[in-house]
């Protein structure tokens, strides 16, 4: 993965923090928890759809995860999801889809660790 795709963009966190309403629950924490939960579900669905030759489902899942990742600032993860989306569009199951899904899983685990409260940034 090229260096310009940081693992977790602090500008995205700052944009979310600007939306915080004083006295309300921590919006960034809530969104990161939702992102992690949704990402775990999407990873499971990607694996299920990989062997089924359902390129449309694979593409849709990759597209959804890409948007979620970019919104939370997970730029590398978003780029990998974009790569999977393109692979699914190119062929029925994407010849590189298994490798991309493996990379997505690894990157998601790294991002999830960084999103936990108290984690130190590792760009």
PDB file of N, CA and C in Angstrom:
ATOM      1  N   UNK A   1       0.857  -1.178   0.000  1.00  0.00           N
ATOM      2  CA  UNK A   1       0.000   0.000   0.000  1.00  0.00           C
ATOM      3  C   UNK A   1       0.893   1.228   0.000  1.00  0.00           C
ATOM      4  N   UNK A   2       0.619   2.150  -0.867  1.00  0.00           N
ATOM      5  CA  UNK A   2       1.447   3.345  -0.987  1.00  0.00           C
ATOM      6  C   UNK A   2       1.332   4.219   0.254  1.00  0.00           C
ATOM      7  N   UNK A   3       2.399   4.975   0.523  1.00  0.00           N
ATOM      8  CA  UNK A   3       2.494   5.766   1.740  1.00  0.00           C
ATOM      9  C   UNK A   3       1.464   6.879   1.856  1.00  0.00           C
ATOM     10  N   UNK A   4       0.929   7.386   0.727  1.00  0.00           N
ATOM     11  CA  UNK A   4      -0.005   8.502   0.843  1.00  0.00           C
ATOM     12  C   UNK A   4      -1.335   8.082   1.469  1.00  0.00           C
ATOM     13  N   UNK A   5      -1.560   6.804   1.603  1.00  0.00           N
ATOM     14  CA  UNK A   5      -2.782   6.325   2.241  1.00  0.00           C
ATOM     15  C   UNK A   5      -2.481   6.002   3.700  1.00  0.00           C
ATOM     16  N   UNK A   6      -2.672   6.993   4.564  1.00  0.00           N
ATOM     17  CA  UNK A   6      -2.407   6.788   5.983  1.00  0.00           C
ATOM     18  C   UNK A   6      -3.433   5.827   6.556  1.00  0.00           C
ATOM     19  N   UNK A   7      -3.035   5.178   7.616  1.00  0.00           N
ATOM     20  CA  UNK A   7      -3.930   4.207   8.235  1.00  0.00           C
ATOM     21  C   UNK A   7      -5.156   4.903   8.815  1.00  0.00           C
ATOM     22  N   UNK A   8      -4.964   5.995   9.530  1.00  0.00           N
ATOM     23  CA  UNK A   8      -6.076   6.693  10.170  1.00  0.00           C
ATOM     24  C   UNK A   8      -5.821   8.200  10.087  1.00  0.00           C
ATOM     25  N   UNK A   9      -6.631   8.887   9.332  1.00  0.00           N
ATOM     26  CA  UNK A   9      -6.457  10.312   9.076  1.00  0.00           C
ATOM     27  C   UNK A   9      -7.020  11.129  10.237  1.00  0.00           C
ATOM     28  N   UNK A  10      -6.174  11.883  10.949  1.00  0.00           N
ATOM     29  CA  UNK A  10      -6.672  12.673  12.076  1.00  0.00           C
ATOM     30  C   UNK A  10      -7.645  13.776  11.654  1.00  0.00           C
ATOM     31  N   UNK A  11      -7.583  14.213  10.404  1.00  0.00           N
ATOM     32  CA  UNK A  11      -8.513  15.249   9.939  1.00  0.00           C
ATOM     33  C   UNK A  11      -9.956  14.742   9.957  1.00  0.00           C
ATOM     34  N   UNK A  12     -10.160  13.466   9.662  1.00  0.00           N
ATOM     35  CA  UNK A  12     -11.515  12.895   9.712  1.00  0.00           C
ATOM     36  C   UNK A  12     -12.037  12.911  11.144  1.00  0.00           C
ATOM     37  N   UNK A  13     -11.172  12.530  12.087  1.00  0.00           N
ATOM     38  CA  UNK A  13     -11.563  12.572  13.499  1.00  0.00           C
ATOM     39  C   UNK A  13     -11.938  13.997  13.894  1.00  0.00           C
ATOM     40  N   UNK A  14     -11.133  14.964  13.458  1.00  0.00           N
ATOM     41  CA  UNK A  14     -11.405  16.364  13.798  1.00  0.00           C
ATOM     42  C   UNK A  14     -12.734  16.837  13.213  1.00  0.00           C
ATOM     43  N   UNK A  15     -13.035  16.425  11.978  1.00  0.00           N
ATOM     44  CA  UNK A  15     -14.321  16.806  11.359  1.00  0.00           C
ATOM     45  C   UNK A  15     -15.494  16.244  12.159  1.00  0.00           C
ATOM     46  N   UNK A  16     -15.357  15.017  12.612  1.00  0.00           N
ATOM     47  CA  UNK A  16     -16.427  14.405  13.405  1.00  0.00           C
ATOM     48  C   UNK A  16     -16.541  15.111  14.751  1.00  0.00           C
ATOM     49  N   UNK A  17     -15.417  15.417  15.369  1.00  0.00           N
ATOM     50  CA  UNK A  17     -15.427  16.099  16.672  1.00  0.00           C
ATOM     51  C   UNK A  17     -16.094  17.480  16.576  1.00  0.00           C
ATOM     52  N   UNK A  18     -15.983  18.135  15.429  1.00  0.00           N
ATOM     53  CA  UNK A  18     -16.628  19.443  15.245  1.00  0.00           C
ATOM     54  C   UNK A  18     -18.151  19.337  15.320  1.00  0.00           C
ATOM     55  N   UNK A  19     -18.679  18.162  15.059  1.00  0.00           N
ATOM     56  CA  UNK A  19     -20.128  17.947  15.110  1.00  0.00           C
ATOM     57  C   UNK A  19     -20.628  17.622  16.517  1.00  0.00           C
ATOM     58  N   UNK A  20     -19.710  17.446  17.452  1.00  0.00           N
ATOM     59  CA  UNK A  20     -20.053  17.072  18.821  1.00  0.00           C
ATOM     60  C   UNK A  20     -20.928  18.137  19.469  1.00  0.00           C
ATOM     61  N   UNK A  21     -22.012  17.706  20.064  1.00  0.00           N
ATOM     62  CA  UNK A  21     -22.889  18.598  20.819  1.00  0.00           C
ATOM     63  C   UNK A  21     -22.457  18.531  22.279  1.00  0.00           C
ATOM     64  N   UNK A  22     -22.144  19.682  22.885  1.00  0.00           N
ATOM     65  CA  UNK A  22     -21.713  19.683  24.287  1.00  0.00           C
ATOM     66  C   UNK A  22     -22.742  18.997  25.190  1.00  0.00           C
ATOM     67  N   UNK A  23     -22.243  18.184  26.082  1.00  0.00           N
ATOM     68  CA  UNK A  23     -23.105  17.478  27.020  1.00  0.00           C
ATOM     69  C   UNK A  23     -23.658  16.166  26.504  1.00  0.00           C
ATOM     70  N   UNK A  24     -23.487  15.886  25.225  1.00  0.00           N
ATOM     71  CA  UNK A  24     -23.963  14.632  24.621  1.00  0.00           C
ATOM     72  C   UNK A  24     -22.856  13.581  24.678  1.00  0.00           C
ATOM     73  N   UNK A  25     -23.256  12.336  24.443  1.00  0.00           N
ATOM     74  CA  UNK A  25     -22.284  11.238  24.398  1.00  0.00           C
ATOM     75  C   UNK A  25     -21.239  11.532  23.324  1.00  0.00           C
ATOM     76  N   UNK A  26     -20.040  11.031  23.531  1.00  0.00           N
ATOM     77  CA  UNK A  26     -18.925  11.263  22.607  1.00  0.00           C
ATOM     78  C   UNK A  26     -19.272  10.716  21.223  1.00  0.00           C
ATOM     79  N   UNK A  27     -19.493  11.619  20.275  1.00  0.00           N
ATOM     80  CA  UNK A  27     -19.913  11.243  18.927  1.00  0.00           C
ATOM     81  C   UNK A  27     -18.860  10.397  18.223  1.00  0.00           C
ATOM     82  N   UNK A  28     -17.594  10.793  18.331  1.00  0.00           N
ATOM     83  CA  UNK A  28     -16.528  10.044  17.656  1.00  0.00           C
ATOM     84  C   UNK A  28     -16.448   8.621  18.199  1.00  0.00           C
ATOM     85  N   UNK A  29     -16.522   8.476  19.503  1.00  0.00           N
ATOM     86  CA  UNK A  29     -16.478   7.145  20.110  1.00  0.00           C
ATOM     87  C   UNK A  29     -17.659   6.305  19.638  1.00  0.00           C
ATOM     88  N   UNK A  30     -18.840   6.900  19.616  1.00  0.00           N
ATOM     89  CA  UNK A  30     -20.031   6.177  19.167  1.00  0.00           C
ATOM     90  C   UNK A  30     -19.889   5.739  17.708  1.00  0.00           C
ATOM     91  N   UNK A  31     -19.422   6.643  16.852  1.00  0.00           N
ATOM     92  CA  UNK A  31     -19.255   6.305  15.436  1.00  0.00           C
ATOM     93  C   UNK A  31     -18.182   5.243  15.222  1.00  0.00           C
ATOM     94  N   UNK A  32     -17.106   5.303  15.987  1.00  0.00           N
ATOM     95  CA  UNK A  32     -16.071   4.277  15.822  1.00  0.00           C
ATOM     96  C   UNK A  32     -16.573   2.913  16.273  1.00  0.00           C
ATOM     97  N   UNK A  33     -17.365   2.884  17.332  1.00  0.00           N
ATOM     98  CA  UNK A  33     -17.945   1.608  17.769  1.00  0.00           C
ATOM     99  C   UNK A  33     -18.873   1.046  16.693  1.00  0.00           C
ATOM    100  N   UNK A  34     -19.706   1.903  16.117  1.00  0.00           N
ATOM    101  CA  UNK A  34     -20.591   1.465  15.032  1.00  0.00           C
ATOM    102  C   UNK A  34     -19.786   0.991  13.828  1.00  0.00           C
ATOM    103  N   UNK A  35     -18.714   1.712  13.503  1.00  0.00           N
ATOM    104  CA  UNK A  35     -17.861   1.338  12.378  1.00  0.00           C
ATOM    105  C   UNK A  35     -17.252  -0.043  12.594  1.00  0.00           C
ATOM    106  N   UNK A  36     -16.744  -0.297  13.775  1.00  0.00           N
ATOM    107  CA  UNK A  36     -16.129  -1.600  14.057  1.00  0.00           C
ATOM    108  C   UNK A  36     -17.168  -2.709  13.965  1.00  0.00           C
ATOM    109  N   UNK A  37     -18.332  -2.507  14.566  1.00  0.00           N
ATOM    110  CA  UNK A  37     -19.390  -3.527  14.507  1.00  0.00           C
ATOM    111  C   UNK A  37     -19.820  -3.804  13.066  1.00  0.00           C
ATOM    112  N   UNK A  38     -20.047  -2.740  12.306  1.00  0.00           N
ATOM    113  CA  UNK A  38     -20.471  -2.892  10.912  1.00  0.00           C
ATOM    114  C   UNK A  38     -19.362  -3.531  10.076  1.00  0.00           C
ATOM    115  N   UNK A  39     -18.130  -3.164  10.338  1.00  0.00           N
ATOM    116  CA  UNK A  39     -17.003  -3.724   9.588  1.00  0.00           C
ATOM    117  C   UNK A  39     -16.867  -5.223   9.818  1.00  0.00           C
ATOM    118  N   UNK A  40     -17.076  -5.666  11.043  1.00  0.00           N
ATOM    119  CA  UNK A  40     -17.017  -7.105  11.325  1.00  0.00           C
ATOM    120  C   UNK A  40     -18.095  -7.846  10.537  1.00  0.00           C
ATOM    121  N   UNK A  41     -19.276  -7.262  10.466  1.00  0.00           N
ATOM    122  CA  UNK A  41     -20.367  -7.867   9.699  1.00  0.00           C
ATOM    123  C   UNK A  41     -20.024  -7.884   8.207  1.00  0.00           C
ATOM    124  N   UNK A  42     -19.502  -6.779   7.699  1.00  0.00           N
ATOM    125  CA  UNK A  42     -19.144  -6.700   6.280  1.00  0.00           C
ATOM    126  C   UNK A  42     -18.027  -7.683   5.924  1.00  0.00           C
ATOM    127  N   UNK A  43     -17.045  -7.847   6.811  1.00  0.00           N
ATOM    128  CA  UNK A  43     -15.958  -8.796   6.547  1.00  0.00           C
ATOM    129  C   UNK A  43     -16.512 -10.203   6.412  1.00  0.00           C
ATOM    130  N   UNK A  44     -17.409 -10.560   7.293  1.00  0.00           N
ATOM    131  CA  UNK A  44     -18.038 -11.880   7.237  1.00  0.00           C
ATOM    132  C   UNK A  44     -18.800 -12.060   5.925  1.00  0.00           C
ATOM    133  N   UNK A  45     -19.537 -11.041   5.523  1.00  0.00           N
ATOM    134  CA  UNK A  45     -20.302 -11.125   4.279  1.00  0.00           C
ATOM    135  C   UNK A  45     -19.396 -11.175   3.051  1.00  0.00           C
ATOM    136  N   UNK A  46     -18.273 -10.462   3.086  1.00  0.00           N
ATOM    137  CA  UNK A  46     -17.324 -10.541   1.968  1.00  0.00           C
ATOM    138  C   UNK A  46     -16.828 -11.970   1.795  1.00  0.00           C
ATOM    139  N   UNK A  47     -16.450 -12.586   2.893  1.00  0.00           N
ATOM    140  CA  UNK A  47     -15.944 -13.965   2.828  1.00  0.00           C
ATOM    141  C   UNK A  47     -17.017 -14.919   2.316  1.00  0.00           C
ATOM    142  N   UNK A  48     -18.251 -14.720   2.759  1.00  0.00           N
ATOM    143  CA  UNK A  48     -19.351 -15.577   2.304  1.00  0.00           C
ATOM    144  C   UNK A  48     -19.590 -15.433   0.807  1.00  0.00           C
ATOM    145  N   UNK A  49     -19.502 -14.223   0.298  1.00  0.00           N
ATOM    146  CA  UNK A  49     -19.801 -13.965  -1.107  1.00  0.00           C
ATOM    147  C   UNK A  49     -18.634 -14.247  -2.039  1.00  0.00           C
ATOM    148  N   UNK A  50     -17.442 -14.384  -1.516  1.00  0.00           N
ATOM    149  CA  UNK A  50     -16.272 -14.592  -2.358  1.00  0.00           C
ATOM    150  C   UNK A  50     -16.387 -15.858  -3.182  1.00  0.00           C
ATOM    151  N   UNK A  51     -16.745 -16.957  -2.563  1.00  0.00           N
ATOM    152  CA  UNK A  51     -16.802 -18.226  -3.266  1.00  0.00           C
ATOM    153  C   UNK A  51     -18.071 -18.450  -4.052  1.00  0.00           C
ATOM    154  N   UNK A  52     -19.023 -17.549  -3.952  1.00  0.00           N
ATOM    155  CA  UNK A  52     -20.321 -17.779  -4.580  1.00  0.00           C
ATOM    156  C   UNK A  52     -20.437 -17.192  -5.980  1.00  0.00           C
ATOM    157  N   UNK A  53     -19.375 -16.563  -6.461  1.00  0.00           N
ATOM    158  CA  UNK A  53     -19.374 -15.946  -7.795  1.00  0.00           C
ATOM    159  C   UNK A  53     -20.468 -14.888  -7.925  1.00  0.00           C
ATOM    160  N   UNK A  54     -20.801 -14.242  -6.823  1.00  0.00           N
ATOM    161  CA  UNK A  54     -21.786 -13.158  -6.845  1.00  0.00           C
ATOM    162  C   UNK A  54     -21.033 -11.828  -6.817  1.00  0.00           C
ATOM    163  N   UNK A  55     -20.509 -11.461  -7.970  1.00  0.00           N
ATOM    164  CA  UNK A  55     -19.679 -10.259  -8.074  1.00  0.00           C
ATOM    165  C   UNK A  55     -20.453  -9.004  -7.679  1.00  0.00           C
ATOM    166  N   UNK A  56     -21.742  -8.967  -7.995  1.00  0.00           N
ATOM    167  CA  UNK A  56     -22.546  -7.802  -7.644  1.00  0.00           C
ATOM    168  C   UNK A  56     -22.616  -7.593  -6.144  1.00  0.00           C
ATOM    169  N   UNK A  57     -22.812  -8.665  -5.401  1.00  0.00           N
ATOM    170  CA  UNK A  57     -22.866  -8.571  -3.942  1.00  0.00           C
ATOM    171  C   UNK A  57     -21.509  -8.158  -3.385  1.00  0.00           C
ATOM    172  N   UNK A  58     -20.449  -8.731  -3.933  1.00  0.00           N
ATOM    173  CA  UNK A  58     -19.091  -8.395  -3.506  1.00  0.00           C
ATOM    174  C   UNK A  58     -18.814  -6.907  -3.753  1.00  0.00           C
ATOM    175  N   UNK A  59     -19.187  -6.433  -4.916  1.00  0.00           N
ATOM    176  CA  UNK A  59     -18.994  -5.025  -5.273  1.00  0.00           C
ATOM    177  C   UNK A  59     -19.775  -4.118  -4.323  1.00  0.00           C
ATOM    178  N   UNK A  60     -21.035  -4.452  -4.052  1.00  0.00           N
ATOM    179  CA  UNK A  60     -21.866  -3.630  -3.174  1.00  0.00           C
ATOM    180  C   UNK A  60     -21.306  -3.570  -1.756  1.00  0.00           C
ATOM    181  N   UNK A  61     -20.848  -4.707  -1.249  1.00  0.00           N
ATOM    182  CA  UNK A  61     -20.263  -4.744   0.093  1.00  0.00           C
ATOM    183  C   UNK A  61     -18.988  -3.909   0.149  1.00  0.00           C
ATOM    184  N   UNK A  62     -18.143  -4.061  -0.868  1.00  0.00           N
ATOM    185  CA  UNK A  62     -16.894  -3.292  -0.919  1.00  0.00           C
ATOM    186  C   UNK A  62     -17.189  -1.794  -0.992  1.00  0.00           C
ATOM    187  N   UNK A  63     -18.189  -1.420  -1.769  1.00  0.00           N
ATOM    188  CA  UNK A  63     -18.558  -0.008  -1.909  1.00  0.00           C
ATOM    189  C   UNK A  63     -19.035   0.564  -0.569  1.00  0.00           C
ATOM    190  N   UNK A  64     -19.887  -0.169   0.108  1.00  0.00           N
ATOM    191  CA  UNK A  64     -20.402   0.292   1.401  1.00  0.00           C
ATOM    192  C   UNK A  64     -19.270   0.453   2.406  1.00  0.00           C
ATOM    193  N   UNK A  65     -18.385  -0.557   2.471  1.00  0.00           N
ATOM    194  CA  UNK A  65     -17.289  -0.504   3.436  1.00  0.00           C
ATOM    195  C   UNK A  65     -16.320   0.621   3.086  1.00  0.00           C
ATOM    196  N   UNK A  66     -16.090   0.836   1.800  1.00  0.00           N
ATOM    197  CA  UNK A  66     -15.212   1.930   1.359  1.00  0.00           C
ATOM    198  C   UNK A  66     -15.735   3.256   1.900  1.00  0.00           C
ATOM    199  N   UNK A  67     -17.020   3.504   1.714  1.00  0.00           N
ATOM    200  CA  UNK A  67     -17.606   4.761   2.185  1.00  0.00           C
ATOM    201  C   UNK A  67     -17.505   4.896   3.697  1.00  0.00           C
ATOM    202  N   UNK A  68     -17.784   3.828   4.419  1.00  0.00           N
ATOM    203  CA  UNK A  68     -17.685   3.859   5.879  1.00  0.00           C
ATOM    204  C   UNK A  68     -16.252   4.138   6.320  1.00  0.00           C
ATOM    205  N   UNK A  69     -15.297   3.459   5.686  1.00  0.00           N
ATOM    206  CA  UNK A  69     -13.887   3.613   6.054  1.00  0.00           C
ATOM    207  C   UNK A  69     -13.411   5.042   5.807  1.00  0.00           C
ATOM    208  N   UNK A  70     -13.753   5.587   4.658  1.00  0.00           N
ATOM    209  CA  UNK A  70     -13.308   6.945   4.344  1.00  0.00           C
ATOM    210  C   UNK A  70     -13.942   7.967   5.284  1.00  0.00           C
ATOM    211  N   UNK A  71     -15.185   7.754   5.670  1.00  0.00           N
ATOM    212  CA  UNK A  71     -15.858   8.681   6.584  1.00  0.00           C
ATOM    213  C   UNK A  71     -15.188   8.712   7.954  1.00  0.00           C
ATOM    214  N   UNK A  72     -14.680   7.575   8.406  1.00  0.00           N
ATOM    215  CA  UNK A  72     -14.040   7.497   9.719  1.00  0.00           C
ATOM    216  C   UNK A  72     -12.555   7.857   9.627  1.00  0.00           C
ATOM    217  N   UNK A  73     -12.039   7.961   8.392  1.00  0.00           N
ATOM    218  CA  UNK A  73     -10.646   8.345   8.192  1.00  0.00           C
ATOM    219  C   UNK A  73      -9.686   7.199   7.967  1.00  0.00           C
ATOM    220  N   UNK A  74     -10.203   5.997   7.746  1.00  0.00           N
ATOM    221  CA  UNK A  74      -9.356   4.823   7.504  1.00  0.00           C
ATOM    222  C   UNK A  74      -9.024   4.767   6.011  1.00  0.00           C
ATOM    223  N   UNK A  75      -8.038   5.566   5.607  1.00  0.00           N
ATOM    224  CA  UNK A  75      -7.761   5.766   4.185  1.00  0.00           C
ATOM    225  C   UNK A  75      -7.213   4.522   3.493  1.00  0.00           C
ATOM    226  N   UNK A  76      -6.301   3.805   4.134  1.00  0.00           N
ATOM    227  CA  UNK A  76      -5.774   2.575   3.520  1.00  0.00           C
ATOM    228  C   UNK A  76      -6.882   1.547   3.341  1.00  0.00           C
ATOM    229  N   UNK A  77      -7.700   1.403   4.365  1.00  0.00           N
ATOM    230  CA  UNK A  77      -8.811   0.459   4.291  1.00  0.00           C
ATOM    231  C   UNK A  77      -9.773   0.866   3.173  1.00  0.00           C
ATOM    232  N   UNK A  78     -10.065   2.149   3.080  1.00  0.00           N
ATOM    233  CA  UNK A  78     -10.931   2.632   2.009  1.00  0.00           C
ATOM    234  C   UNK A  78     -10.364   2.338   0.634  1.00  0.00           C
ATOM    235  N   UNK A  79      -9.050   2.506   0.479  1.00  0.00           N
ATOM    236  CA  UNK A  79      -8.406   2.227  -0.806  1.00  0.00           C
ATOM    237  C   UNK A  79      -8.473   0.742  -1.134  1.00  0.00           C
ATOM    238  N   UNK A  80      -8.264  -0.121  -0.159  1.00  0.00           N
ATOM    239  CA  UNK A  80      -8.371  -1.565  -0.394  1.00  0.00           C
ATOM    240  C   UNK A  80      -9.792  -1.943  -0.796  1.00  0.00           C
ATOM    241  N   UNK A  81     -10.776  -1.349  -0.149  1.00  0.00           N
ATOM    242  CA  UNK A  81     -12.171  -1.620  -0.514  1.00  0.00           C
ATOM    243  C   UNK A  81     -12.461  -1.127  -1.926  1.00  0.00           C
ATOM    244  N   UNK A  82     -11.883   0.003  -2.297  1.00  0.00           N
ATOM    245  CA  UNK A  82     -12.033   0.510  -3.661  1.00  0.00           C
ATOM    246  C   UNK A  82     -11.404  -0.468  -4.653  1.00  0.00           C
ATOM    247  N   UNK A  83     -10.242  -1.023  -4.310  1.00  0.00           N
ATOM    248  CA  UNK A  83      -9.589  -2.014  -5.173  1.00  0.00           C
ATOM    249  C   UNK A  83     -10.468  -3.251  -5.349  1.00  0.00           C
ATOM    250  N   UNK A  84     -11.097  -3.689  -4.262  1.00  0.00           N
ATOM    251  CA  UNK A  84     -11.979  -4.853  -4.340  1.00  0.00           C
ATOM    252  C   UNK A  84     -13.209  -4.536  -5.185  1.00  0.00           C
ATOM    253  N   UNK A  85     -13.742  -3.354  -5.013  1.00  0.00           N
ATOM    254  CA  UNK A  85     -14.896  -2.931  -5.814  1.00  0.00           C
ATOM    255  C   UNK A  85     -14.544  -2.970  -7.303  1.00  0.00           C
ATOM    256  N   UNK A  86     -13.366  -2.469  -7.654  1.00  0.00           N
ATOM    257  CA  UNK A  86     -12.919  -2.478  -9.054  1.00  0.00           C
ATOM    258  C   UNK A  86     -12.708  -3.902  -9.555  1.00  0.00           C
ATOM    259  N   UNK A  87     -12.135  -4.764  -8.720  1.00  0.00           N
ATOM    260  CA  UNK A  87     -11.914  -6.161  -9.117  1.00  0.00           C
ATOM    261  C   UNK A  87     -13.240  -6.868  -9.351  1.00  0.00           C
ATOM    262  N   UNK A  88     -14.231  -6.573  -8.526  1.00  0.00           N
ATOM    263  CA  UNK A  88     -15.543  -7.206  -8.687  1.00  0.00           C
ATOM    264  C   UNK A  88     -16.239  -6.709  -9.950  1.00  0.00           C
ATOM    265  N   UNK A  89     -15.994  -5.476 -10.322  1.00  0.00           N
ATOM    266  CA  UNK A  89     -16.572  -4.942 -11.556  1.00  0.00           C
ATOM    267  C   UNK A  89     -15.902  -5.537 -12.789  1.00  0.00           C
ATOM    268  N   UNK A  90     -14.617  -5.862 -12.675  1.00  0.00           N
ATOM    269  CA  UNK A  90     -13.841  -6.323 -13.821  1.00  0.00           C
ATOM    270  C   UNK A  90     -14.190  -7.740 -14.248  1.00  0.00           C
ATOM    271  N   UNK A  91     -14.464  -8.625 -13.296  1.00  0.00           N
ATOM    272  CA  UNK A  91     -14.774 -10.021 -13.604  1.00  0.00           C
ATOM    273  C   UNK A  91     -15.855 -10.510 -12.664  1.00  0.00           C
ATOM    274  N   UNK A  92     -16.298 -11.739 -12.881  1.00  0.00           N
ATOM    275  CA  UNK A  92     -17.396 -12.272 -12.068  1.00  0.00           C
ATOM    276  C   UNK A  92     -17.036 -12.357 -10.590  1.00  0.00           C
ATOM    277  N   UNK A  93     -15.811 -12.704 -10.255  1.00  0.00           N
ATOM    278  CA  UNK A  93     -15.445 -12.749  -8.840  1.00  0.00           C
ATOM    279  C   UNK A  93     -14.163 -11.986  -8.572  1.00  0.00           C
ATOM    280  N   UNK A  94     -13.567 -11.431  -9.596  1.00  0.00           N
ATOM    281  CA  UNK A  94     -12.338 -10.674  -9.410  1.00  0.00           C
ATOM    282  C   UNK A  94     -11.166 -11.595  -9.146  1.00  0.00           C
ATOM    283  N   UNK A  95     -10.237 -11.699 -10.085  1.00  0.00           N
ATOM    284  CA  UNK A  95      -9.130 -12.634  -9.913  1.00  0.00           C
ATOM    285  C   UNK A  95      -8.274 -12.349  -8.695  1.00  0.00           C
ATOM    286  N   UNK A  96      -8.214 -11.097  -8.263  1.00  0.00           N
ATOM    287  CA  UNK A  96      -7.402 -10.778  -7.103  1.00  0.00           C
ATOM    288  C   UNK A  96      -8.240 -10.595  -5.842  1.00  0.00           C
ATOM    289  N   UNK A  97      -9.519 -10.887  -5.922  1.00  0.00           N
ATOM    290  CA  UNK A  97     -10.419 -10.669  -4.786  1.00  0.00           C
ATOM    291  C   UNK A  97      -9.970 -11.376  -3.512  1.00  0.00           C
ATOM    292  N   UNK A  98      -9.546 -12.655  -3.544  1.00  0.00           N
ATOM    293  CA  UNK A  98      -9.126 -13.294  -2.292  1.00  0.00           C
ATOM    294  C   UNK A  98      -7.958 -12.570  -1.620  1.00  0.00           C
ATOM    295  N   UNK A  99      -6.982 -12.133  -2.423  1.00  0.00           N
ATOM    296  CA  UNK A  99      -5.841 -11.411  -1.857  1.00  0.00           C
ATOM    297  C   UNK A  99      -6.262 -10.061  -1.292  1.00  0.00           C
ATOM    298  N   UNK A 100      -7.139  -9.381  -2.005  1.00  0.00           N
ATOM    299  CA  UNK A 100      -7.601  -8.075  -1.535  1.00  0.00           C
ATOM    300  C   UNK A 100      -8.403  -8.236  -0.249  1.00  0.00           C
ATOM    301  N   UNK A 101      -9.258  -9.241  -0.182  1.00  0.00           N
ATOM    302  CA  UNK A 101     -10.052  -9.467   1.032  1.00  0.00           C
ATOM    303  C   UNK A 101      -9.144  -9.787   2.213  1.00  0.00           C
ATOM    304  N   UNK A 102      -8.095 -10.551   1.972  1.00  0.00           N
ATOM    305  CA  UNK A 102      -7.127 -10.839   3.032  1.00  0.00           C
ATOM    306  C   UNK A 102      -6.465  -9.550   3.522  1.00  0.00           C
ATOM    307  N   UNK A 103      -6.072  -8.687   2.592  1.00  0.00           N
ATOM    308  CA  UNK A 103      -5.454  -7.409   2.958  1.00  0.00           C
ATOM    309  C   UNK A 103      -6.447  -6.514   3.701  1.00  0.00           C
ATOM    310  N   UNK A 104      -7.703  -6.540   3.276  1.00  0.00           N
ATOM    311  CA  UNK A 104      -8.745  -5.767   3.959  1.00  0.00           C
ATOM    312  C   UNK A 104      -8.877  -6.237   5.407  1.00  0.00           C
ATOM    313  N   UNK A 105      -8.883  -7.545   5.612  1.00  0.00           N
ATOM    314  CA  UNK A 105      -8.988  -8.079   6.970  1.00  0.00           C
ATOM    315  C   UNK A 105      -7.835  -7.626   7.849  1.00  0.00           C
ATOM    316  N   UNK A 106      -6.623  -7.680   7.313  1.00  0.00           N
ATOM    317  CA  UNK A 106      -5.443  -7.247   8.076  1.00  0.00           C
ATOM    318  C   UNK A 106      -5.508  -5.759   8.396  1.00  0.00           C
ATOM    319  N   UNK A 107      -5.864  -4.973   7.412  1.00  0.00           N
ATOM    320  CA  UNK A 107      -5.934  -3.523   7.619  1.00  0.00           C
ATOM    321  C   UNK A 107      -7.051  -3.171   8.597  1.00  0.00           C
ATOM    322  N   UNK A 108      -8.184  -3.847   8.504  1.00  0.00           N
ATOM    323  CA  UNK A 108      -9.270  -3.576   9.443  1.00  0.00           C
ATOM    324  C   UNK A 108      -8.831  -3.866  10.876  1.00  0.00           C
ATOM    325  N   UNK A 109      -8.141  -4.978  11.093  1.00  0.00           N
ATOM    326  CA  UNK A 109      -7.677  -5.297  12.455  1.00  0.00           C
ATOM    327  C   UNK A 109      -6.760  -4.193  12.983  1.00  0.00           C
ATOM    328  N   UNK A 110      -5.881  -3.678  12.133  1.00  0.00           N
ATOM    329  CA  UNK A 110      -4.980  -2.600  12.552  1.00  0.00           C
ATOM    330  C   UNK A 110      -5.762  -1.325  12.869  1.00  0.00           C
ATOM    331  N   UNK A 111      -6.724  -0.991  12.028  1.00  0.00           N
ATOM    332  CA  UNK A 111      -7.540   0.209  12.245  1.00  0.00           C
ATOM    333  C   UNK A 111      -8.374   0.059  13.513  1.00  0.00           C
ATOM    334  N   UNK A 112      -8.983  -1.096  13.713  1.00  0.00           N
ATOM    335  CA  UNK A 112      -9.819  -1.315  14.901  1.00  0.00           C
ATOM    336  C   UNK A 112      -9.000  -1.127  16.173  1.00  0.00           C
ATOM    337  N   UNK A 113      -7.760  -1.582  16.160  1.00  0.00           N
ATOM    338  CA  UNK A 113      -6.882  -1.404  17.318  1.00  0.00           C
ATOM    339  C   UNK A 113      -6.643   0.081  17.579  1.00  0.00           C
ATOM    340  N   UNK A 114      -6.408   0.843  16.524  1.00  0.00           N
ATOM    341  CA  UNK A 114      -6.163   2.279  16.674  1.00  0.00           C
ATOM    342  C   UNK A 114      -7.403   3.051  17.105  1.00  0.00           C
ATOM    343  N   UNK A 115      -8.573   2.543  16.775  1.00  0.00           N
ATOM    344  CA  UNK A 115      -9.809   3.244  17.121  1.00  0.00           C
ATOM    345  C   UNK A 115     -10.242   3.015  18.563  1.00  0.00           C
ATOM    346  N   UNK A 116      -9.625   2.067  19.229  1.00  0.00           N
ATOM    347  CA  UNK A 116      -9.998   1.809  20.620  1.00  0.00           C
ATOM    348  C   UNK A 116      -9.588   2.996  21.483  1.00  0.00           C
ATOM    349  N   UNK A 117     -10.414   3.344  22.469  1.00  0.00           N
ATOM    350  CA  UNK A 117     -10.087   4.477  23.342  1.00  0.00           C
ATOM    351  C   UNK A 117      -8.701   4.305  23.967  1.00  0.00           C
ATOM    352  N   UNK A 118      -7.937   5.377  23.959  1.00  0.00           N
ATOM    353  CA  UNK A 118      -6.607   5.365  24.555  1.00  0.00           C
ATOM    354  C   UNK A 118      -5.508   4.896  23.628  1.00  0.00           C
ATOM    355  N   UNK A 119      -5.861   4.466  22.423  1.00  0.00           N
ATOM    356  CA  UNK A 119      -4.837   4.000  21.477  1.00  0.00           C
ATOM    357  C   UNK A 119      -4.021   5.188  20.991  1.00  0.00           C
ATOM    358  N   UNK A 120      -2.744   4.935  20.785  1.00  0.00           N
ATOM    359  CA  UNK A 120      -1.864   5.981  20.265  1.00  0.00           C
ATOM    360  C   UNK A 120      -1.889   5.939  18.748  1.00  0.00           C
ATOM    361  N   UNK A 121      -1.953   7.100  18.091  1.00  0.00           N
ATOM    362  CA  UNK A 121      -1.986   7.124  16.625  1.00  0.00           C
ATOM    363  C   UNK A 121      -0.763   6.447  16.027  1.00  0.00           C
ATOM    364  N   UNK A 122      -0.987   5.713  14.962  1.00  0.00           N
ATOM    365  CA  UNK A 122       0.090   5.059  14.219  1.00  0.00           C
ATOM    366  C   UNK A 122      -0.209   5.260  12.745  1.00  0.00           C
ATOM    367  N   UNK A 123       0.229   6.378  12.238  1.00  0.00           N
ATOM    368  CA  UNK A 123      -0.067   6.708  10.861  1.00  0.00           C
ATOM    369  C   UNK A 123       0.900   5.991   9.968  1.00  0.00           C
TER     370      UNK A 123
END
